[in-house]
C-alpha atoms as a PDB file:
ATOM      1  CA  MET A   1     121.201 185.549  45.713  1.00  0.00           C
ATOM      2  CA  GLN A   2     124.667 185.222  47.207  1.00  0.00           C
ATOM      3  CA  ASP A   3     124.431 188.921  47.332  1.00  0.00           C
ATOM      4  CA  PHE A   4     121.598 188.872  49.792  1.00  0.00           C
ATOM      5  CA  VAL A   5     123.062 185.922  51.579  1.00  0.00           C
ATOM      6  CA  ALA A   6     126.050 188.485  52.312  1.00  0.00           C
ATOM      7  CA  MET A   7     123.558 191.078  53.864  1.00  0.00           C
ATOM      8  CA  ASP A   8     122.574 188.408  56.614  1.00  0.00           C
ATOM      9  CA  PRO A   9     123.422 189.872  59.864  1.00  0.00           C
ATOM     10  CA  LEU A  10     124.337 186.388  61.593  1.00  0.00           C
ATOM     11  CA  ASN A  11     126.557 186.105  58.281  1.00  0.00           C
ATOM     12  CA  LYS A  12     128.280 189.294  58.771  1.00  0.00           C
ATOM     13  CA  LEU A  13     128.902 188.358  62.614  1.00  0.00           C
ATOM     14  CA  SER A  14     130.676 185.150  61.457  1.00  0.00           C
ATOM     15  CA  ASN A  15     132.942 187.360  59.055  1.00  0.00           C
ATOM     16  CA  GLY A  16     131.019 185.797  55.894  1.00  0.00           C
ATOM     17  CA  TRP A  17     131.897 182.038  56.925  1.00  0.00           C
ATOM     18  CA  LEU A  18     128.102 181.079  57.673  1.00  0.00           C
ATOM     19  CA  GLY A  19     127.517 182.587  53.911  1.00  0.00           C
ATOM     20  CA  GLU A  20     129.995 179.905  52.391  1.00  0.00           C
ATOM     21  CA  PHE A  21     129.042 176.802  50.657  1.00  0.00           C
ATOM     22  CA  ASN A  22     130.812 173.918  52.364  1.00  0.00           C
ATOM     23  CA  ILE A  23     130.513 170.772  54.213  1.00  0.00           C
ATOM     24  CA  TRP A  24     130.475 172.569  57.653  1.00  0.00           C
ATOM     25  CA  THR A  25     127.668 175.496  56.634  1.00  0.00           C
ATOM     26  CA  ILE A  26     125.789 172.738  54.803  1.00  0.00           C
ATOM     27  CA  LEU A  27     125.845 170.766  58.195  1.00  0.00           C
ATOM     28  CA  ILE A  28     124.611 173.613  59.980  1.00  0.00           C
ATOM     29  CA  ARG A  29     121.807 174.601  57.709  1.00  0.00           C
ATOM     30  CA  VAL A  30     120.538 171.110  57.558  1.00  0.00           C
ATOM     31  CA  LEU A  31     120.615 171.063  61.400  1.00  0.00           C
ATOM     32  CA  LEU A  32     118.776 174.296  61.855  1.00  0.00           C
ATOM     33  CA  ALA A  33     116.057 173.307  59.856  1.00  0.00           C
ATOM     34  CA  THR A  34     115.605 170.087  61.393  1.00  0.00           C
ATOM     35  CA  LEU A  35     115.565 171.873  64.856  1.00  0.00           C
ATOM     36  CA  ILE A  36     112.855 174.199  64.090  1.00  0.00           C
ATOM     37  CA  GLY A  37     111.000 171.851  62.336  1.00  0.00           C
ATOM     38  CA  PHE A  38     111.108 169.428  65.307  1.00  0.00           C
ATOM     39  CA  ILE A  39     110.350 172.158  67.823  1.00  0.00           C
ATOM     40  CA  LEU A  40     107.077 173.163  65.804  1.00  0.00           C
ATOM     41  CA  GLY A  41     106.035 169.875  65.058  1.00  0.00           C
ATOM     42  CA  LEU A  42     106.116 168.841  68.754  1.00  0.00           C
ATOM     43  CA  GLU A  43     104.103 171.867  69.869  1.00  0.00           C
ATOM     44  CA  ARG A  44     101.654 170.737  67.076  1.00  0.00           C
ATOM     45  CA  SER A  45     101.758 167.206  68.228  1.00  0.00           C
ATOM     46  CA  ARG A  46     100.921 167.752  71.924  1.00  0.00           C
ATOM     47  CA  LYS A  47      97.763 169.424  70.723  1.00  0.00           C
ATOM     48  CA  ARG A  48      97.001 166.561  68.551  1.00  0.00           C
ATOM     49  CA  HIS A  49      96.758 168.128  65.351  1.00  0.00           C
ATOM     50  CA  THR A  50      96.982 166.033  62.182  1.00  0.00           C
ATOM     51  CA  ALA A  51     100.455 167.348  61.105  1.00  0.00           C
ATOM     52  CA  GLY A  52     102.606 166.760  63.975  1.00  0.00           C
ATOM     53  CA  LEU A  53     106.149 165.977  64.568  1.00  0.00           C
ATOM     54  CA  ARG A  54     107.432 163.773  62.002  1.00  0.00           C
ATOM     55  CA  THR A  55     105.635 165.850  59.303  1.00  0.00           C
ATOM     56  CA  PHE A  56     106.821 169.285  60.307  1.00  0.00           C
ATOM     57  CA  THR A  57     110.544 167.838  60.723  1.00  0.00           C
ATOM     58  CA  ILE A  58     110.305 166.304  57.385  1.00  0.00           C
ATOM     59  CA  VAL A  59     108.969 169.211  55.301  1.00  0.00           C
ATOM     60  CA  SER A  60     111.536 171.527  56.882  1.00  0.00           C
ATOM     61  CA  LEU A  61     114.394 169.230  56.185  1.00  0.00           C
ATOM     62  CA  PHE A  62     113.066 168.553  52.671  1.00  0.00           C
ATOM     63  CA  SER A  63     112.866 172.303  52.223  1.00  0.00           C
ATOM     64  CA  CYS A  64     116.346 172.825  53.365  1.00  0.00           C
ATOM     65  CA  ILE A  65     117.832 170.221  50.996  1.00  0.00           C
ATOM     66  CA  ALA A  66     115.764 171.535  47.886  1.00  0.00           C
ATOM     67  CA  SER A  67     117.355 174.937  48.380  1.00  0.00           C
ATOM     68  CA  LEU A  68     120.630 173.431  49.225  1.00  0.00           C
ATOM     69  CA  LEU A  69     120.531 171.764  45.618  1.00  0.00           C
ATOM     70  CA  ASP A  70     119.596 175.413  44.121  1.00  0.00           C
ATOM     71  CA  VAL A  71     122.439 177.045  45.513  1.00  0.00           C
ATOM     72  CA  TYR A  72     124.703 174.076  44.270  1.00  0.00           C
ATOM     73  CA  PHE A  73     123.066 174.504  40.889  1.00  0.00           C
ATOM     74  CA  ALA A  74     123.347 178.375  41.146  1.00  0.00           C
ATOM     75  CA  VAL A  75     127.178 178.258  42.263  1.00  0.00           C
ATOM     76  CA  ASN A  76     128.445 175.450  39.590  1.00  0.00           C
ATOM     77  CA  PHE A  77     126.158 175.876  36.797  1.00  0.00           C
ATOM     78  CA  ASN A  78     124.635 179.463  37.091  1.00  0.00           C
ATOM     79  CA  ALA A  79     121.202 178.544  37.723  1.00  0.00           C
ATOM     80  CA  ILE A  80     119.118 181.515  38.109  1.00  0.00           C
ATOM     81  CA  PHE A  81     115.563 180.292  38.953  1.00  0.00           C
ATOM     82  CA  PRO A  82     115.516 178.011  42.195  1.00  0.00           C
ATOM     83  CA  ALA A  83     113.378 175.261  40.577  1.00  0.00           C
ATOM     84  CA  VAL A  84     113.604 172.855  43.075  1.00  0.00           C
ATOM     85  CA  THR A  85     112.812 175.104  45.949  1.00  0.00           C
ATOM     86  CA  VAL A  86     109.752 176.129  44.435  1.00  0.00           C
ATOM     87  CA  ALA A  87     108.385 172.767  43.355  1.00  0.00           C
ATOM     88  CA  VAL A  88     109.036 171.588  47.094  1.00  0.00           C
ATOM     89  CA  ILE A  89     106.914 174.726  48.468  1.00  0.00           C
ATOM     90  CA  LEU A  90     104.043 174.033  46.019  1.00  0.00           C
ATOM     91  CA  GLY A  91     104.122 170.575  47.158  1.00  0.00           C
ATOM     92  CA  ALA A  92     104.324 171.342  50.883  1.00  0.00           C
ATOM     93  CA  ALA A  93     101.151 174.085  50.242  1.00  0.00           C
ATOM     94  CA  ILE A  94      99.335 170.653  48.663  1.00  0.00           C
ATOM     95  CA  ILE A  95      99.993 168.723  51.709  1.00  0.00           C
ATOM     96  CA  SER A  96      98.939 171.363  54.100  1.00  0.00           C
ATOM     97  CA  GLY A  97      95.548 171.679  52.260  1.00  0.00           C
ATOM     98  CA  ASN A  98      95.037 168.167  52.892  1.00  0.00           C
ATOM     99  CA  THR A  99      95.654 168.509  56.626  1.00  0.00           C
ATOM    100  CA  LEU A 100      92.011 170.630  57.032  1.00  0.00           C
ATOM    101  CA  LEU A 101      89.209 168.399  58.382  1.00  0.00           C
ATOM    102  CA  TYR A 102      85.634 169.348  58.872  1.00  0.00           C
ATOM    103  CA  SER A 103      84.155 168.259  61.906  1.00  0.00           C
ATOM    104  CA  SER A 104      80.127 167.222  62.457  1.00  0.00           C
ATOM    105  CA  LYS A 105      79.760 170.616  64.101  1.00  0.00           C
ATOM    106  CA  SER A 106      80.331 172.294  60.534  1.00  0.00           C
ATOM    107  CA  GLN A 107      83.891 173.502  61.901  1.00  0.00           C
ATOM    108  CA  ILE A 108      86.950 173.996  59.641  1.00  0.00           C
ATOM    109  CA  LYS A 109      89.950 172.307  61.886  1.00  0.00           C
ATOM    110  CA  GLY A 110      93.414 172.497  61.209  1.00  0.00           C
ATOM    111  CA  LEU A 111      93.553 175.768  59.272  1.00  0.00           C
ATOM    112  CA  THR A 112      96.440 177.091  61.609  1.00  0.00           C
ATOM    113  CA  THR A 113      98.324 173.928  61.260  1.00  0.00           C
ATOM    114  CA  ALA A 114      98.150 173.629  57.474  1.00  0.00           C
ATOM    115  CA  VAL A 115      99.439 177.642  57.125  1.00  0.00           C
ATOM    116  CA  SER A 116     102.198 176.735  59.948  1.00  0.00           C
ATOM    117  CA  LEU A 117     103.083 173.697  57.644  1.00  0.00           C
ATOM    118  CA  TRP A 118     103.279 175.867  54.573  1.00  0.00           C
ATOM    119  CA  LEU A 119     105.472 178.470  56.434  1.00  0.00           C
ATOM    120  CA  MET A 120     107.686 175.570  57.772  1.00  0.00           C
ATOM    121  CA  SER A 121     108.456 174.739  54.068  1.00  0.00           C
ATOM    122  CA  ILE A 122     109.819 178.459  53.465  1.00  0.00           C
ATOM    123  CA  MET A 123     111.470 178.708  56.697  1.00  0.00           C
ATOM    124  CA  GLY A 124     113.498 175.503  56.029  1.00  0.00           C
ATOM    125  CA  ALA A 125     114.294 176.604  52.341  1.00  0.00           C
ATOM    126  CA  CYS A 126     115.411 180.155  53.895  1.00  0.00           C
ATOM    127  CA  PHE A 127     118.199 178.070  56.011  1.00  0.00           C
ATOM    128  CA  GLY A 128     119.252 176.286  53.165  1.00  0.00           C
ATOM    129  CA  SER A 129     119.864 179.486  51.203  1.00  0.00           C
ATOM    130  CA  GLY A 130     121.604 180.881  54.428  1.00  0.00           C
ATOM    131  CA  PHE A 131     118.896 183.392  55.057  1.00  0.00           C
ATOM    132  CA  TYR A 132     119.518 182.738  58.789  1.00  0.00           C
ATOM    133  CA  THR A 133     118.255 185.769  60.427  1.00  0.00           C
ATOM    134  CA  VAL A 134     114.766 185.396  58.538  1.00  0.00           C
ATOM    135  CA  SER A 135     114.489 181.795  59.420  1.00  0.00           C
ATOM    136  CA  ILE A 136     115.406 182.480  63.110  1.00  0.00           C
ATOM    137  CA  ILE A 137     112.953 185.604  63.302  1.00  0.00           C
ATOM    138  CA  ALA A 138     110.024 183.738  61.691  1.00  0.00           C
ATOM    139  CA  PHE A 139     110.402 180.933  63.684  1.00  0.00           C
ATOM    140  CA  ILE A 140     110.336 182.879  66.776  1.00  0.00           C
ATOM    141  CA  VAL A 141     107.067 184.604  66.020  1.00  0.00           C
ATOM    142  CA  VAL A 142     105.183 181.640  64.524  1.00  0.00           C
ATOM    143  CA  TYR A 143     106.273 179.593  68.020  1.00  0.00           C
ATOM    144  CA  ILE A 144     105.144 182.725  69.870  1.00  0.00           C
ATOM    145  CA  SER A 145     101.788 183.128  67.763  1.00  0.00           C
ATOM    146  CA  LEU A 146     100.949 179.318  68.192  1.00  0.00           C
ATOM    147  CA  ASN A 147     101.241 179.526  72.000  1.00  0.00           C
ATOM    148  CA  LEU A 148     100.491 182.874  73.451  1.00  0.00           C
ATOM    149  CA  MET A 149      97.969 184.261  70.711  1.00  0.00           C
ATOM    150  CA  PRO A 150      95.311 181.361  71.314  1.00  0.00           C
ATOM    151  CA  ARG A 151      94.650 182.578  74.706  1.00  0.00           C
ATOM    152  CA  PHE A 152      94.601 186.100  73.614  1.00  0.00           C
ATOM    153  CA  GLU A 153      92.020 185.250  70.762  1.00  0.00           C
ATOM    154  CA  LEU A 154      89.759 183.436  72.887  1.00  0.00           C
ATOM    155  CA  PHE A 155      89.586 186.397  75.558  1.00  0.00           C
ATOM    156  CA  LEU A 156      88.617 188.646  72.538  1.00  0.00           C
ATOM    157  CA  LYS A 157      85.915 186.181  71.185  1.00  0.00           C
ATOM    158  CA  ASN A 158      84.473 185.679  74.680  1.00  0.00           C
ATOM    159  CA  ARG A 159      83.758 189.261  75.024  1.00  0.00           C
ATOM    160  CA  SER A 160      82.701 190.066  71.258  1.00  0.00           C
ATOM    161  CA  ASN A 161      79.091 190.483  70.171  1.00  0.00           C
ATOM    162  CA  HIS A 162      78.874 187.749  67.723  1.00  0.00           C
ATOM    163  CA  PHE A 163      79.332 184.164  68.312  1.00  0.00           C
ATOM    164  CA  GLU A 164      78.319 180.771  67.109  1.00  0.00           C
ATOM    165  CA  ILE A 165      77.034 177.670  69.155  1.00  0.00           C
ATOM    166  CA  HIS A 166      76.725 173.897  68.338  1.00  0.00           C
ATOM    167  CA  LEU A 167      73.421 172.915  70.006  1.00  0.00           C
ATOM    168  CA  GLU A 168      71.815 169.463  70.919  1.00  0.00           C
ATOM    169  CA  LEU A 169      68.277 169.343  71.738  1.00  0.00           C
ATOM    170  CA  LYS A 170      66.567 166.155  73.402  1.00  0.00           C
ATOM    171  CA  ASN A 171      63.777 166.504  70.393  1.00  0.00           C
ATOM    172  CA  ARG A 172      63.815 168.661  67.608  1.00  0.00           C
ATOM    173  CA  ASN A 173      60.529 169.962  68.572  1.00  0.00           C
ATOM    174  CA  ASP A 174      62.036 171.910  71.253  1.00  0.00           C
ATOM    175  CA  LEU A 175      63.543 174.405  69.101  1.00  0.00           C
ATOM    176  CA  VAL A 176      60.711 176.699  68.997  1.00  0.00           C
ATOM    177  CA  ASN A 177      60.796 176.784  72.743  1.00  0.00           C
ATOM    178  CA  PHE A 178      64.946 177.408  72.582  1.00  0.00           C
ATOM    179  CA  THR A 179      64.490 180.498  70.159  1.00  0.00           C
ATOM    180  CA  GLY A 180      61.887 181.888  72.264  1.00  0.00           C
ATOM    181  CA  VAL A 181      64.165 181.718  75.635  1.00  0.00           C
ATOM    182  CA  VAL A 182      67.180 183.261  73.541  1.00  0.00           C
ATOM    183  CA  ARG A 183      65.367 186.353  72.138  1.00  0.00           C
ATOM    184  CA  LYS A 184      63.835 187.258  75.594  1.00  0.00           C
ATOM    185  CA  LEU A 185      67.472 187.085  76.987  1.00  0.00           C
ATOM    186  CA  GLY A 186      68.412 189.682  74.551  1.00  0.00           C
ATOM    187  CA  LEU A 187      69.786 187.527  71.665  1.00  0.00           C
ATOM    188  CA  ARG A 188      69.448 188.064  67.966  1.00  0.00           C
ATOM    189  CA  ILE A 189      69.306 184.751  65.994  1.00  0.00           C
ATOM    190  CA  ASP A 190      71.355 185.523  62.720  1.00  0.00           C
ATOM    191  CA  ASP A 191      71.232 181.641  61.597  1.00  0.00           C
ATOM    192  CA  ILE A 192      70.287 178.511  62.180  1.00  0.00           C
ATOM    193  CA  GLU A 193      71.936 175.419  60.407  1.00  0.00           C
ATOM    194  CA  ALA A 194      70.651 171.949  60.959  1.00  0.00           C
ATOM    195  CA  ASN A 195      73.275 168.924  60.919  1.00  0.00           C
ATOM    196  CA  PRO A 196      71.862 166.331  58.572  1.00  0.00           C
ATOM    197  CA  ALA A 197      73.749 163.722  60.385  1.00  0.00           C
ATOM    198  CA  TYR A 198      71.408 163.504  62.957  1.00  0.00           C
ATOM    199  CA  ASN A 199      68.148 163.488  60.940  1.00  0.00           C
ATOM    200  CA  ASN A 200      67.208 159.613  61.963  1.00  0.00           C
ATOM    201  CA  THR A 201      68.313 160.258  65.587  1.00  0.00           C
ATOM    202  CA  GLY A 202      65.363 162.101  67.065  1.00  0.00           C
ATOM    203  CA  LEU A 203      67.869 164.658  68.411  1.00  0.00           C
ATOM    204  CA  GLY A 204      67.701 168.102  66.940  1.00  0.00           C
ATOM    205  CA  VAL A 205      71.257 169.240  66.142  1.00  0.00           C
ATOM    206  CA  TYR A 206      72.150 172.741  64.648  1.00  0.00           C
ATOM    207  CA  SER A 207      74.812 175.507  64.443  1.00  0.00           C
ATOM    208  CA  ILE A 208      73.496 178.863  65.286  1.00  0.00           C
ATOM    209  CA  SER A 209      74.883 181.960  64.926  1.00  0.00           C
ATOM    210  CA  LEU A 210      73.691 184.524  67.594  1.00  0.00           C
ATOM    211  CA  THR A 211      74.268 188.404  68.203  1.00  0.00           C
ATOM    212  CA  ILE A 212      74.018 189.946  71.699  1.00  0.00           C
ATOM    213  CA  ASN A 213      71.432 192.724  71.241  1.00  0.00           C
ATOM    214  CA  SER A 214      70.617 193.640  74.753  1.00  0.00           C
ATOM    215  CA  GLN A 215      73.108 196.335  76.721  1.00  0.00           C
ATOM    216  CA  GLU A 216      73.175 194.527  79.953  1.00  0.00           C
ATOM    217  CA  LEU A 217      74.593 191.385  78.269  1.00  0.00           C
ATOM    218  CA  LYS A 218      77.049 193.562  76.265  1.00  0.00           C
ATOM    219  CA  LYS A 219      78.583 194.824  79.564  1.00  0.00           C
ATOM    220  CA  TYR A 220      78.142 192.090  82.035  1.00  0.00           C
ATOM    221  CA  LYS A 221      77.932 188.573  80.227  1.00  0.00           C
ATOM    222  CA  THR A 222      80.636 186.694  78.521  1.00  0.00           C
ATOM    223  CA  HIS A 223      79.904 183.848  75.732  1.00  0.00           C
ATOM    224  CA  THR A 224      80.725 181.505  78.503  1.00  0.00           C
ATOM    225  CA  GLU A 225      78.437 182.750  81.103  1.00  0.00           C
ATOM    226  CA  ILE A 226      75.369 182.867  78.562  1.00  0.00           C
ATOM    227  CA  ILE A 227      76.015 179.518  77.360  1.00  0.00           C
ATOM    228  CA  GLU A 228      76.084 178.368  80.842  1.00  0.00           C
ATOM    229  CA  ALA A 229      72.704 179.804  81.410  1.00  0.00           C
ATOM    230  CA  LEU A 230      71.151 178.104  78.384  1.00  0.00           C
ATOM    231  CA  SER A 231      72.628 174.595  79.638  1.00  0.00           C
ATOM    232  CA  THR A 232      70.333 174.519  82.634  1.00  0.00           C
ATOM    233  CA  LEU A 233      67.255 174.273  80.045  1.00  0.00           C
ATOM    234  CA  GLU A 234      65.953 170.905  80.836  1.00  0.00           C
ATOM    235  CA  TYR A 235      65.440 169.832  77.098  1.00  0.00           C
ATOM    236  CA  ILE A 236      68.821 170.733  75.874  1.00  0.00           C
ATOM    237  CA  ASN A 237      71.327 167.759  75.756  1.00  0.00           C
ATOM    238  CA  CYS A 238      74.696 169.837  74.820  1.00  0.00           C
ATOM    239  CA  ILE A 239      75.285 173.385  74.258  1.00  0.00           C
ATOM    240  CA  GLU A 240      78.850 174.987  73.295  1.00  0.00           C
ATOM    241  CA  GLU A 241      80.807 177.649  71.449  1.00  0.00           C
ATOM    242  CA  ILE A 242      82.147 176.828  68.344  1.00  0.00           C
ATOM    243  CA  HIS A 243      85.487 178.381  68.016  1.00  0.00           C
END
């Protein structure tokens, strides 16, 4: 592993000093791992995700320390397999899976946060091992993805031919009227799923998958405009796209 660490560009710039295993390089690795965990955790906390500032910081720090232990075992006891690091990354994968939530609209929430948390453990381990360049590049890519990609993704989704809506009708008997209007607009209904949580409320709550068939709608209308038009129907209590 030390041979790979020696090939790290930042290690080369420091004439090999960053690849050494001493109190100062340990401190730098721990501080860098804590810093990237803090920054990504802050970004997740601002968007009110289940795993936030403390979780990301601790996972990154924990992974870094685990990796430092494996480096210590490798240097002093000729250990080959990074058992501590592997155990921590597997543990982070389990924790990240538990951050997933399922909403009343049949949506999976927190998938991006779960994956980011898992990757956070790997980046922390990279810092602990002395792979500075890999960790920094991965951090930059993840940060850009979390902040810029959602806007681009939303732009593409808003212009695709397929989308899904959450629909709340004041009376479930109005579903027939709604499906008739939708078909007249040039939309195809691919699937309708009733939400059982509202069975005794009198409301009709559904998740509906739609496909745009009309050429006019494909050219000139976005999902937002279509949903705004449908929301004017008097028997609709709430309608919104499921992202």
